[in-house]
Amino acid sequence: MIESGINLCKLLVVEDDPGLQAQLKWAYEDYQVLIAGDHDAAIELLRAEEPDVVTLDLGLPPDPDGTREGFRTLKAIIEAKPDTKVIVVSGHGERASALNAIASGAWDFYQKPIDIDELGLIVRRAFHVRELEVENARLAGQGSSGNRVLGGMITGAPEMQKVARTIERVANLDVSVMLLGASGTGKELLARGLHEASGRRDGAFVAINCAAIPENLLESELFGHEKGAFTGAVKTTEGKIELAHGGTLFLDEVGDIPLPLQVKLLRFLQERTIERIGGRKAIAVDTRIVCATHRDLDAMIAEQSFRDDLYYRLAEMVVKIPSLAERPGDAVLLARHFLHQYAPEMNPAVRGFAPDALQAIDEGRWPGNVRELENRIKRSVIMADGKLVMREDLDMAGGEGDGEEAWLNLRSAREAADRVAIRRAMTQSEGNISAAAKLLGISRPTLYDLLKQYRMQA
């Protein structure tokens, strides 16, 4: 005989009917079933055994014909162990009881008379969701949410994962890489990831924003200067190119480099030597260049404000970074990350987002991309009054996604729309198939079929 309880999931059944107690215990032989007939016994077992799932009959003594004692027990369970999945069972009040129970923290609701098989499905689903939560917490404790790619970037979008794979492939090749994308899309994070994935990882990673430095100082910042080269040059100073010797130099906003300095940068890329300002000696430097810009370099080349020969030296490999709006589902992933990052210090009471807040985040256009999202989440954490960030805390207008794409093939348009909707639903439900299917308004089997058809991961 197999000893009960070894390596079995713990299920607490709170039910005062002895006949139903026996029936449920027999039906749930795959679990370690704990039985409680009233409020006090239920809370005692909860604290002693810490079950992950509870089925709770609202009609408990001394109020077996009402719900008062059942709701008191539900409240006590949620307060004692908030992560418990409580499935409320009742024959009283139907919809009103169901809504009240969910609002009070219940995970699901089942109406009597009990169908053992149907209730069993709900119980199994509850255990599955709890297992996913535990695994996510374990991964988070290891510093990974399971959605991190190159450089620690958080994404679940295939568009961004493709970018990461491309950068990983060229990391160990001695080629210059140009990252093209709007401001705030994570270009420096990807550049750092490229450096860490390359054979130069033991060397320095040096970053400089060419748009943030006055034109008359940028040459000195890049190439360095000798003592006495100009007023204020009281000592010899190495430039960023030299400081990155043996490593990687990231030139952000390279499109803002003035034309005279473009000539000097081109000479370095051709000869791999530099001369400091005021110096006469050529210095050999082994530095890999990774650059980025949000500007239209093709238009600048046509206007002759950017040298085409420099462009071809810098753009041996061009990688286009999608905007946050082009990465369905990532806004929610990133928002959760930023909330967990800032809440402990700025507002420890905050634990997550209300559904309307998640919808607003998911539907937002985010013209400032990840940087804008991070700032808005930080502000919302500060402004939140309760445990959840509400839509009004975000100070956002309603979603305005217009989805205007010039699809000529209806089948392609439908598939593209399906993929976007599924990805967003899976993100909002944190991988819970049942919850995602409910958001999409389809059945679980239909969602499984679509995931298989579109070769998407569950």
Protein backbone atom coordinates (compact mmCIF):
# COMPACT_ATOMS: atom_id res chain seq x y z
CA MET A 1 0.00 0.00 0.00
CA ILE A 2 1.28 3.44 -0.93
CA GLU A 3 1.57 5.73 2.07
CA SER A 4 -0.74 8.70 1.64
CA GLY A 5 0.74 12.16 1.30
CA ILE A 6 4.24 11.37 -0.03
CA ASN A 7 5.12 13.73 -2.90
CA LEU A 8 1.43 14.47 -3.47
CA CYS A 9 -0.04 17.94 -3.88
CA LYS A 10 -2.09 19.00 -0.88
CA LEU A 11 -5.79 19.74 -1.40
CA LEU A 12 -7.89 21.08 1.47
CA VAL A 13 -11.61 20.25 1.19
CA VAL A 14 -13.77 22.42 3.45
CA GLU A 15 -17.14 20.67 3.53
CA ASP A 16 -19.51 19.85 6.42
CA ASP A 17 -21.44 17.02 4.72
CA PRO A 18 -19.81 13.66 5.79
CA GLY A 19 -21.11 11.86 2.69
CA LEU A 20 -19.71 14.48 0.34
CA GLN A 21 -16.45 14.53 2.31
CA ALA A 22 -15.97 10.81 1.64
CA GLN A 23 -16.97 11.14 -2.02
CA LEU A 24 -14.52 13.99 -2.64
CA LYS A 25 -11.68 12.25 -0.81
CA TRP A 26 -12.20 9.16 -2.97
CA ALA A 27 -12.42 11.25 -6.16
CA TYR A 28 -9.16 13.09 -5.46
CA GLU A 29 -6.91 10.09 -4.90
CA ASP A 30 -4.11 11.80 -6.90
CA TYR A 31 -3.78 14.40 -4.14
CA GLN A 32 -3.17 14.40 -0.42
CA VAL A 33 -6.71 15.35 0.64
CA LEU A 34 -7.20 17.20 3.91
CA ILE A 35 -10.76 17.44 5.28
CA ALA A 36 -12.19 20.24 7.41
CA GLY A 37 -15.84 20.60 8.44
CA ASP A 38 -15.85 24.15 9.77
CA HIS A 39 -13.99 27.46 9.86
CA ASP A 40 -11.67 26.69 12.78
CA ALA A 41 -10.61 23.27 11.44
CA ALA A 42 -10.00 24.74 7.98
CA ILE A 43 -7.71 27.51 9.25
CA GLU A 44 -5.84 25.11 11.54
CA LEU A 45 -5.13 22.73 8.63
CA LEU A 46 -4.22 25.64 6.34
CA ARG A 47 -1.57 26.88 8.75
CA ALA A 48 -0.23 23.40 9.53
CA GLU A 49 -0.18 21.89 6.02
CA GLU A 50 -0.10 24.97 3.71
CA PRO A 51 -2.15 23.44 0.86
CA ASP A 52 -1.94 25.17 -2.51
CA VAL A 53 -5.59 24.56 -3.45
CA VAL A 54 -8.77 24.69 -1.33
CA THR A 55 -12.35 23.80 -2.26
CA LEU A 56 -14.65 25.73 0.06
CA ASP A 57 -18.37 25.17 0.60
CA LEU A 58 -19.87 28.52 1.54
CA GLY A 59 -22.63 26.83 3.56
CA LEU A 60 -20.66 26.03 6.72
CA PRO A 61 -21.96 25.61 10.28
CA PRO A 62 -23.31 27.39 12.19
CA ASP A 63 -24.82 28.95 9.03
CA PRO A 64 -25.25 25.91 6.72
CA ASP A 65 -28.17 27.51 4.87
CA GLY A 66 -26.39 30.82 4.28
CA THR A 67 -22.98 32.08 3.15
CA ARG A 68 -21.82 34.27 6.06
CA GLU A 69 -19.56 31.61 7.62
CA GLY A 70 -18.22 30.56 4.23
CA PHE A 71 -17.18 34.10 3.34
CA ARG A 72 -15.61 34.52 6.78
CA THR A 73 -13.53 31.41 6.11
CA LEU A 74 -12.60 32.61 2.62
CA LYS A 75 -11.36 35.92 4.06
CA ALA A 76 -9.30 34.12 6.71
CA ILE A 77 -7.71 31.79 4.12
CA ILE A 78 -6.71 34.66 1.83
CA GLU A 79 -5.28 36.65 4.75
CA ALA A 80 -3.31 33.68 6.09
CA LYS A 81 -1.99 32.43 2.71
CA PRO A 82 -2.68 34.88 -0.17
CA ASP A 83 -1.32 32.60 -2.89
CA THR A 84 -3.88 29.86 -2.13
CA LYS A 85 -6.16 28.95 -5.02
CA VAL A 86 -9.62 28.85 -3.40
CA ILE A 87 -12.43 27.27 -5.40
CA VAL A 88 -15.72 28.31 -3.85
CA VAL A 89 -18.65 25.86 -4.05
CA SER A 90 -22.18 27.04 -3.28
CA GLY A 91 -25.83 26.50 -4.00
CA HIS A 92 -26.76 29.90 -2.60
CA GLY A 93 -27.33 33.07 -4.57
CA GLU A 94 -25.63 31.83 -7.72
CA ARG A 95 -24.32 34.86 -9.62
CA ALA A 96 -24.32 37.21 -6.62
CA SER A 97 -22.35 34.72 -4.53
CA ALA A 98 -19.95 34.04 -7.39
CA LEU A 99 -19.19 37.72 -7.96
CA ASN A 100 -18.80 38.35 -4.25
CA ALA A 101 -16.48 35.37 -3.86
CA ILE A 102 -14.22 36.40 -6.76
CA ALA A 103 -14.13 39.98 -5.47
CA SER A 104 -13.11 38.61 -2.06
CA GLY A 105 -10.13 36.74 -3.49
CA ALA A 106 -11.47 33.37 -4.61
CA TRP A 107 -9.73 31.88 -7.63
CA ASP A 108 -12.82 30.22 -9.15
CA PHE A 109 -16.47 29.43 -8.38
CA TYR A 110 -18.51 26.25 -8.85
CA GLN A 111 -22.27 25.94 -8.51
CA LYS A 112 -23.98 22.95 -6.85
CA PRO A 113 -25.02 20.23 -7.52
CA ILE A 114 -21.43 19.04 -7.74
CA ASP A 115 -20.23 17.16 -10.81
CA ILE A 116 -17.08 15.43 -9.53
CA ASP A 117 -15.43 15.25 -12.97
CA GLU A 118 -16.10 18.89 -13.79
CA LEU A 119 -14.94 20.11 -10.40
CA GLY A 120 -11.89 17.85 -10.76
CA LEU A 121 -10.88 19.70 -13.94
CA ILE A 122 -11.03 23.01 -12.09
CA VAL A 123 -8.93 21.59 -9.26
CA ARG A 124 -6.28 20.25 -11.68
CA ARG A 125 -6.15 23.60 -13.45
CA ALA A 126 -5.67 25.37 -10.13
CA PHE A 127 -2.72 23.14 -9.24
CA HIS A 128 -1.21 23.68 -12.69
CA VAL A 129 -1.44 27.47 -12.36
CA ARG A 130 0.11 27.30 -8.89
CA GLU A 131 2.99 25.22 -10.26
CA LEU A 132 3.58 27.86 -12.93
CA GLU A 133 3.59 30.61 -10.28
CA VAL A 134 6.12 28.70 -8.18
CA GLU A 135 8.36 28.13 -11.20
CA ASN A 136 8.16 31.79 -12.21
CA ALA A 137 9.10 32.81 -8.68
CA ARG A 138 12.05 30.40 -8.76
CA LEU A 139 13.28 31.84 -12.06
CA ALA A 140 12.84 35.38 -10.78
CA GLY A 141 14.93 34.47 -7.74
CA GLN A 142 17.70 33.40 -10.09
CA GLY A 143 17.59 36.79 -11.79
CA SER A 144 15.67 35.56 -14.82
CA SER A 145 12.01 35.78 -15.73
CA GLY A 146 12.36 33.29 -18.55
CA ASN A 147 11.91 36.21 -20.98
CA ARG A 148 15.44 37.59 -20.92
CA VAL A 149 17.63 37.58 -23.99
CA LEU A 150 20.91 39.17 -25.00
CA GLY A 151 22.17 41.74 -22.50
CA GLY A 152 19.39 40.94 -20.04
CA MET A 153 16.73 42.50 -22.28
CA ILE A 154 13.22 41.43 -21.30
CA THR A 155 11.07 40.35 -24.23
CA GLY A 156 8.64 37.69 -25.29
CA ALA A 157 8.22 39.07 -28.80
CA PRO A 158 9.61 37.03 -31.72
CA GLU A 159 10.57 40.31 -33.41
CA MET A 160 12.97 41.17 -30.60
CA GLN A 161 14.19 37.61 -30.12
CA LYS A 162 15.17 37.59 -33.80
CA VAL A 163 17.20 40.76 -33.23
CA ALA A 164 18.96 39.13 -30.27
CA ARG A 165 19.81 36.02 -32.30
CA THR A 166 21.21 38.16 -35.12
CA ILE A 167 23.47 40.07 -32.72
CA GLU A 168 24.64 36.86 -31.07
CA ARG A 169 25.66 35.49 -34.48
CA VAL A 170 27.84 38.48 -35.30
CA ALA A 171 29.20 38.96 -31.77
CA ASN A 172 32.41 37.01 -32.44
CA LEU A 173 32.90 38.34 -35.96
CA ASP A 174 35.25 41.29 -36.37
CA VAL A 175 32.68 43.53 -38.05
CA SER A 176 31.25 46.93 -37.19
CA VAL A 177 27.59 46.81 -36.18
CA MET A 178 25.03 49.58 -36.60
CA LEU A 179 21.83 49.48 -34.53
CA LEU A 180 18.96 51.44 -36.05
CA GLY A 181 15.94 52.26 -33.92
CA ALA A 182 13.94 54.95 -32.19
CA SER A 183 15.07 56.53 -28.94
CA GLY A 184 14.39 54.37 -25.91
CA THR A 185 14.30 50.99 -27.68
CA GLY A 186 17.29 49.56 -25.80
CA LYS A 187 20.11 50.08 -28.28
CA GLU A 188 22.80 50.51 -25.60
CA LEU A 189 21.54 47.43 -23.74
CA LEU A 190 21.88 45.39 -26.94
CA ALA A 191 25.32 46.87 -27.66
CA ARG A 192 26.47 45.85 -24.19
CA GLY A 193 25.00 42.40 -24.77
CA LEU A 194 26.95 42.11 -28.02
CA HIS A 195 30.15 43.03 -26.17
CA GLU A 196 29.50 40.47 -23.43
CA ALA A 197 28.79 37.75 -26.02
CA SER A 198 32.00 38.48 -27.95
CA GLY A 199 35.63 37.51 -27.45
CA ARG A 200 36.23 41.07 -26.22
CA ARG A 201 34.13 40.59 -23.09
CA ASP A 202 37.20 40.87 -20.84
CA GLY A 203 37.99 44.28 -22.34
CA ALA A 204 36.23 47.54 -21.57
CA PHE A 205 32.81 48.52 -22.85
CA VAL A 206 32.85 52.29 -23.35
CA ALA A 207 29.76 54.24 -24.37
CA ILE A 208 29.48 57.83 -25.57
CA ASN A 209 26.41 59.75 -26.68
CA CYS A 210 27.57 61.87 -29.60
CA ALA A 211 24.48 64.08 -29.44
CA ALA A 212 25.00 64.98 -25.78
CA ILE A 213 28.50 66.45 -26.15
CA PRO A 214 29.13 69.93 -27.66
CA GLU A 215 30.73 69.80 -31.10
CA ASN A 216 33.89 71.57 -29.92
CA LEU A 217 34.46 68.95 -27.19
CA LEU A 218 33.47 65.79 -29.06
CA GLU A 219 36.84 65.38 -30.84
CA SER A 220 38.70 65.49 -27.53
CA GLU A 221 36.25 63.02 -25.98
CA LEU A 222 36.78 60.54 -28.82
CA PHE A 223 40.47 60.94 -29.61
CA GLY A 224 41.95 62.43 -26.42
CA HIS A 225 44.45 65.28 -26.19
CA GLU A 226 48.03 65.98 -25.21
CA LYS A 227 48.98 68.26 -22.35
CA GLY A 228 48.93 71.90 -23.50
CA ALA A 229 47.01 71.13 -26.71
CA PHE A 230 44.50 73.87 -25.81
CA THR A 231 43.57 76.12 -22.92
CA GLY A 232 42.63 73.95 -19.97
CA ALA A 233 44.49 70.86 -21.22
CA VAL A 234 46.58 70.53 -18.06
CA LYS A 235 47.40 66.87 -18.62
CA THR A 236 47.47 64.24 -21.35
CA THR A 237 44.09 62.51 -21.55
CA GLU A 238 43.13 59.37 -23.41
CA GLY A 239 40.00 59.51 -25.52
CA LYS A 240 37.14 57.00 -25.54
CA ILE A 241 38.60 55.12 -28.51
CA GLU A 242 41.81 54.45 -26.59
CA LEU A 243 39.97 53.60 -23.38
CA ALA A 244 38.10 50.89 -25.30
CA HIS A 245 41.35 49.26 -26.55
CA GLY A 246 40.82 45.49 -26.53
CA GLY A 247 37.09 46.03 -26.01
CA THR A 248 34.09 47.75 -27.57
CA LEU A 249 33.24 51.41 -28.18
CA PHE A 250 29.53 52.21 -28.46
CA LEU A 251 28.84 55.40 -30.40
CA ASP A 252 25.25 56.34 -29.65
CA GLU A 253 23.58 58.85 -31.99
CA VAL A 254 26.43 58.57 -34.48
CA GLY A 255 24.36 60.61 -36.94
CA ASP A 256 25.11 63.71 -34.84
CA ILE A 257 28.88 63.59 -35.45
CA PRO A 258 29.87 66.74 -37.43
CA LEU A 259 31.37 66.29 -40.91
CA PRO A 260 34.96 67.32 -40.05
CA LEU A 261 35.05 64.76 -37.25
CA GLN A 262 33.52 62.13 -39.52
CA VAL A 263 36.70 62.33 -41.64
CA LYS A 264 38.91 61.64 -38.64
CA LEU A 265 36.71 58.75 -37.48
CA LEU A 266 36.83 57.25 -41.00
CA ARG A 267 40.62 57.43 -40.95
CA PHE A 268 40.68 55.49 -37.67
CA LEU A 269 38.41 52.79 -39.08
CA GLN A 270 40.64 52.44 -42.15
CA GLU A 271 44.05 52.55 -40.47
CA ARG A 272 43.21 51.51 -36.88
CA THR A 273 45.44 54.29 -35.54
CA ILE A 274 44.59 57.60 -33.92
CA GLU A 275 46.35 60.88 -33.14
CA ARG A 276 45.41 62.77 -30.01
CA ILE A 277 44.69 66.50 -30.34
CA GLY A 278 48.05 68.26 -30.19
CA GLY A 279 49.91 65.00 -30.77
CA ARG A 280 52.13 63.94 -33.65
CA LYS A 281 52.45 60.23 -32.96
CA ALA A 282 50.12 57.62 -34.44
CA ILE A 283 48.78 55.30 -31.74
CA ALA A 284 47.60 51.81 -32.74
CA VAL A 285 44.26 50.95 -31.16
CA ASP A 286 42.33 47.67 -31.32
CA THR A 287 38.77 48.79 -30.67
CA ARG A 288 35.57 47.39 -32.08
CA ILE A 289 32.95 49.99 -33.03
CA VAL A 290 29.25 49.46 -32.42
CA CYS A 291 27.08 52.46 -33.24
CA ALA A 292 23.45 53.45 -33.10
CA THR A 293 21.17 56.19 -34.31
CA HIS A 294 17.49 57.02 -34.65
CA ARG A 295 18.15 59.32 -37.60
CA ASP A 296 17.59 58.54 -41.29
CA LEU A 297 21.18 58.15 -42.46
CA ASP A 298 20.14 57.49 -46.05
CA ALA A 299 18.50 60.91 -46.17
CA MET A 300 21.53 62.49 -44.48
CA ILE A 301 23.83 60.91 -47.05
CA ALA A 302 21.63 62.31 -49.84
CA GLU A 303 21.85 65.74 -48.18
CA GLN A 304 25.62 65.27 -47.83
CA SER A 305 25.47 65.77 -44.06
CA PHE A 306 26.77 62.23 -43.46
CA ARG A 307 29.60 60.63 -45.41
CA ASP A 308 28.63 57.55 -47.39
CA ASP A 309 32.12 56.03 -47.05
CA LEU A 310 31.89 56.33 -43.25
CA TYR A 311 28.43 54.78 -43.32
CA TYR A 312 29.70 51.70 -45.16
CA ARG A 313 32.55 51.33 -42.66
CA LEU A 314 30.20 51.58 -39.70
CA ALA A 315 27.35 49.56 -41.19
CA GLU A 316 29.05 46.28 -42.09
CA MET A 317 26.12 44.72 -40.26
CA VAL A 318 22.88 46.70 -39.83
CA VAL A 319 20.33 45.58 -37.23
CA LYS A 320 16.95 47.29 -37.04
CA ILE A 321 15.43 47.49 -33.55
CA PRO A 322 11.61 47.33 -33.42
CA SER A 323 9.76 49.93 -31.38
CA LEU A 324 7.84 48.86 -28.28
CA ALA A 325 4.59 49.22 -30.22
CA GLU A 326 5.92 46.64 -32.71
CA ARG A 327 6.54 44.09 -29.92
CA PRO A 328 3.04 42.92 -28.86
CA GLY A 329 2.93 41.82 -25.23
CA ASP A 330 6.31 43.25 -24.25
CA ALA A 331 4.85 46.39 -22.68
CA VAL A 332 3.07 44.27 -20.06
CA LEU A 333 6.16 42.13 -19.42
CA LEU A 334 8.32 45.21 -18.96
CA ALA A 335 5.71 46.97 -16.84
CA ARG A 336 5.65 44.06 -14.38
CA HIS A 337 9.45 44.07 -14.29
CA PHE A 338 9.62 47.80 -13.54
CA LEU A 339 6.91 47.56 -10.89
CA HIS A 340 8.81 44.83 -9.03
CA GLN A 341 11.98 46.87 -9.41
CA TYR A 342 10.64 50.14 -8.01
CA ALA A 343 7.81 49.18 -5.64
CA PRO A 344 9.97 47.79 -2.77
CA GLU A 345 11.72 51.13 -2.39
CA MET A 346 9.09 53.66 -3.50
CA ASN A 347 5.79 52.10 -2.36
CA PRO A 348 6.12 48.62 -0.77
CA ALA A 349 2.33 48.21 -0.52
CA VAL A 350 2.04 47.92 -4.32
CA ARG A 351 1.89 44.30 -5.53
CA GLY A 352 0.69 44.46 -9.13
CA PHE A 353 -1.64 46.01 -11.71
CA ALA A 354 -5.41 46.17 -11.92
CA PRO A 355 -6.87 44.62 -15.11
CA ASP A 356 -7.78 48.02 -16.57
CA ALA A 357 -4.20 49.22 -16.01
CA LEU A 358 -2.78 46.18 -17.82
CA GLN A 359 -5.16 46.82 -20.71
CA ALA A 360 -4.07 50.45 -20.94
CA ILE A 361 -0.40 49.44 -20.92
CA ASP A 362 -0.96 46.77 -23.56
CA GLU A 363 -2.88 49.11 -25.85
CA GLY A 364 -0.55 52.10 -25.41
CA ARG A 365 1.42 53.43 -28.37
CA TRP A 366 4.54 54.29 -26.29
CA PRO A 367 6.21 56.78 -28.65
CA GLY A 368 9.05 57.07 -26.11
CA ASN A 369 9.39 53.29 -26.08
CA VAL A 370 10.85 51.46 -23.08
CA ARG A 371 12.22 54.65 -21.51
CA GLU A 372 8.77 56.25 -21.51
CA LEU A 373 7.19 53.07 -20.12
CA GLU A 374 9.73 52.85 -17.31
CA ASN A 375 9.17 56.47 -16.27
CA ARG A 376 5.39 56.08 -16.33
CA ILE A 377 5.47 52.87 -14.26
CA LYS A 378 7.79 54.52 -11.73
CA ARG A 379 5.34 57.42 -11.42
CA SER A 380 2.31 55.11 -11.12
CA VAL A 381 3.97 53.13 -8.31
CA ILE A 382 4.46 56.37 -6.37
CA MET A 383 0.87 57.53 -7.01
CA ALA A 384 -0.89 54.22 -6.25
CA ASP A 385 -3.00 54.24 -3.05
CA GLY A 386 -3.65 50.51 -2.71
CA LYS A 387 -2.09 47.16 -3.54
CA LEU A 388 -2.76 47.53 -7.26
CA VAL A 389 -1.77 50.22 -9.75
CA MET A 390 -4.99 51.47 -11.31
CA ARG A 391 -5.50 52.92 -14.79
CA GLU A 392 -5.84 56.43 -13.36
CA ASP A 393 -2.45 56.06 -11.64
CA LEU A 394 -0.88 55.65 -15.08
CA ASP A 395 -2.43 58.93 -16.28
CA MET A 396 -3.04 57.38 -19.68
CA ALA A 397 -5.74 57.91 -22.25
CA GLY A 398 -7.60 54.89 -23.60
CA GLY A 399 -5.93 52.58 -26.09
CA GLU A 400 -5.98 53.95 -29.59
CA GLY A 401 -4.40 51.19 -31.59
CA ASP A 402 -5.64 51.58 -35.12
CA GLY A 403 -4.03 48.46 -36.58
CA GLU A 404 -3.73 50.15 -39.96
CA GLU A 405 -1.66 47.85 -42.13
CA ALA A 406 -2.00 47.53 -45.85
CA TRP A 407 -2.73 43.80 -45.99
CA LEU A 408 -3.76 42.60 -49.43
CA ASN A 409 -4.33 38.99 -48.37
CA LEU A 410 -7.15 38.41 -45.87
CA ARG A 411 -5.68 35.11 -44.68
CA SER A 412 -2.36 36.80 -43.88
CA ALA A 413 -4.14 39.65 -42.14
CA ARG A 414 -6.19 37.23 -40.05
CA GLU A 415 -3.14 35.19 -39.05
CA ALA A 416 -1.18 38.32 -38.13
CA ALA A 417 -4.07 39.58 -36.00
CA ASP A 418 -4.44 36.16 -34.34
CA ARG A 419 -0.75 36.06 -33.43
CA VAL A 420 -0.82 39.53 -31.90
CA ALA A 421 -4.00 38.83 -29.90
CA ILE A 422 -2.74 35.44 -28.66
CA ARG A 423 0.63 36.85 -27.63
CA ARG A 424 -1.02 39.67 -25.69
CA ALA A 425 -3.51 37.34 -24.00
CA MET A 426 -0.74 34.90 -23.00
CA THR A 427 1.30 37.76 -21.59
CA GLN A 428 -1.57 39.25 -19.58
CA SER A 429 -2.54 35.81 -18.21
CA GLU A 430 1.13 34.98 -17.42
CA GLY A 431 1.00 31.81 -19.52
CA ASN A 432 -2.28 30.50 -18.10
CA ILE A 433 -3.98 28.81 -21.08
CA SER A 434 -7.46 28.88 -19.54
CA ALA A 435 -7.24 32.54 -18.60
CA ALA A 436 -5.82 33.43 -22.02
CA ALA A 437 -8.63 31.55 -23.76
CA LYS A 438 -11.16 33.43 -21.62
CA LEU A 439 -9.60 36.77 -22.59
CA LEU A 440 -9.74 35.77 -26.25
CA GLY A 441 -13.32 34.53 -25.99
CA ILE A 442 -12.48 31.03 -27.23
CA SER A 443 -12.23 27.56 -25.71
CA ARG A 444 -9.01 26.04 -24.42
CA PRO A 445 -8.92 23.38 -27.21
CA THR A 446 -9.33 26.13 -29.81
CA LEU A 447 -6.44 28.08 -28.29
CA TYR A 448 -4.26 24.96 -28.24
CA ASP A 449 -5.10 24.37 -31.92
CA LEU A 450 -4.14 27.96 -32.81
CA LEU A 451 -0.87 27.73 -30.87
CA LYS A 452 -0.04 24.55 -32.76
CA GLN A 453 -1.16 25.97 -36.13
CA TYR A 454 0.95 29.12 -35.74
CA ARG A 455 3.84 27.24 -34.08
CA MET A 456 3.70 29.45 -31.02
CA GLN A 457 4.90 28.34 -27.61
CA ALA A 458 2.27 27.81 -24.90
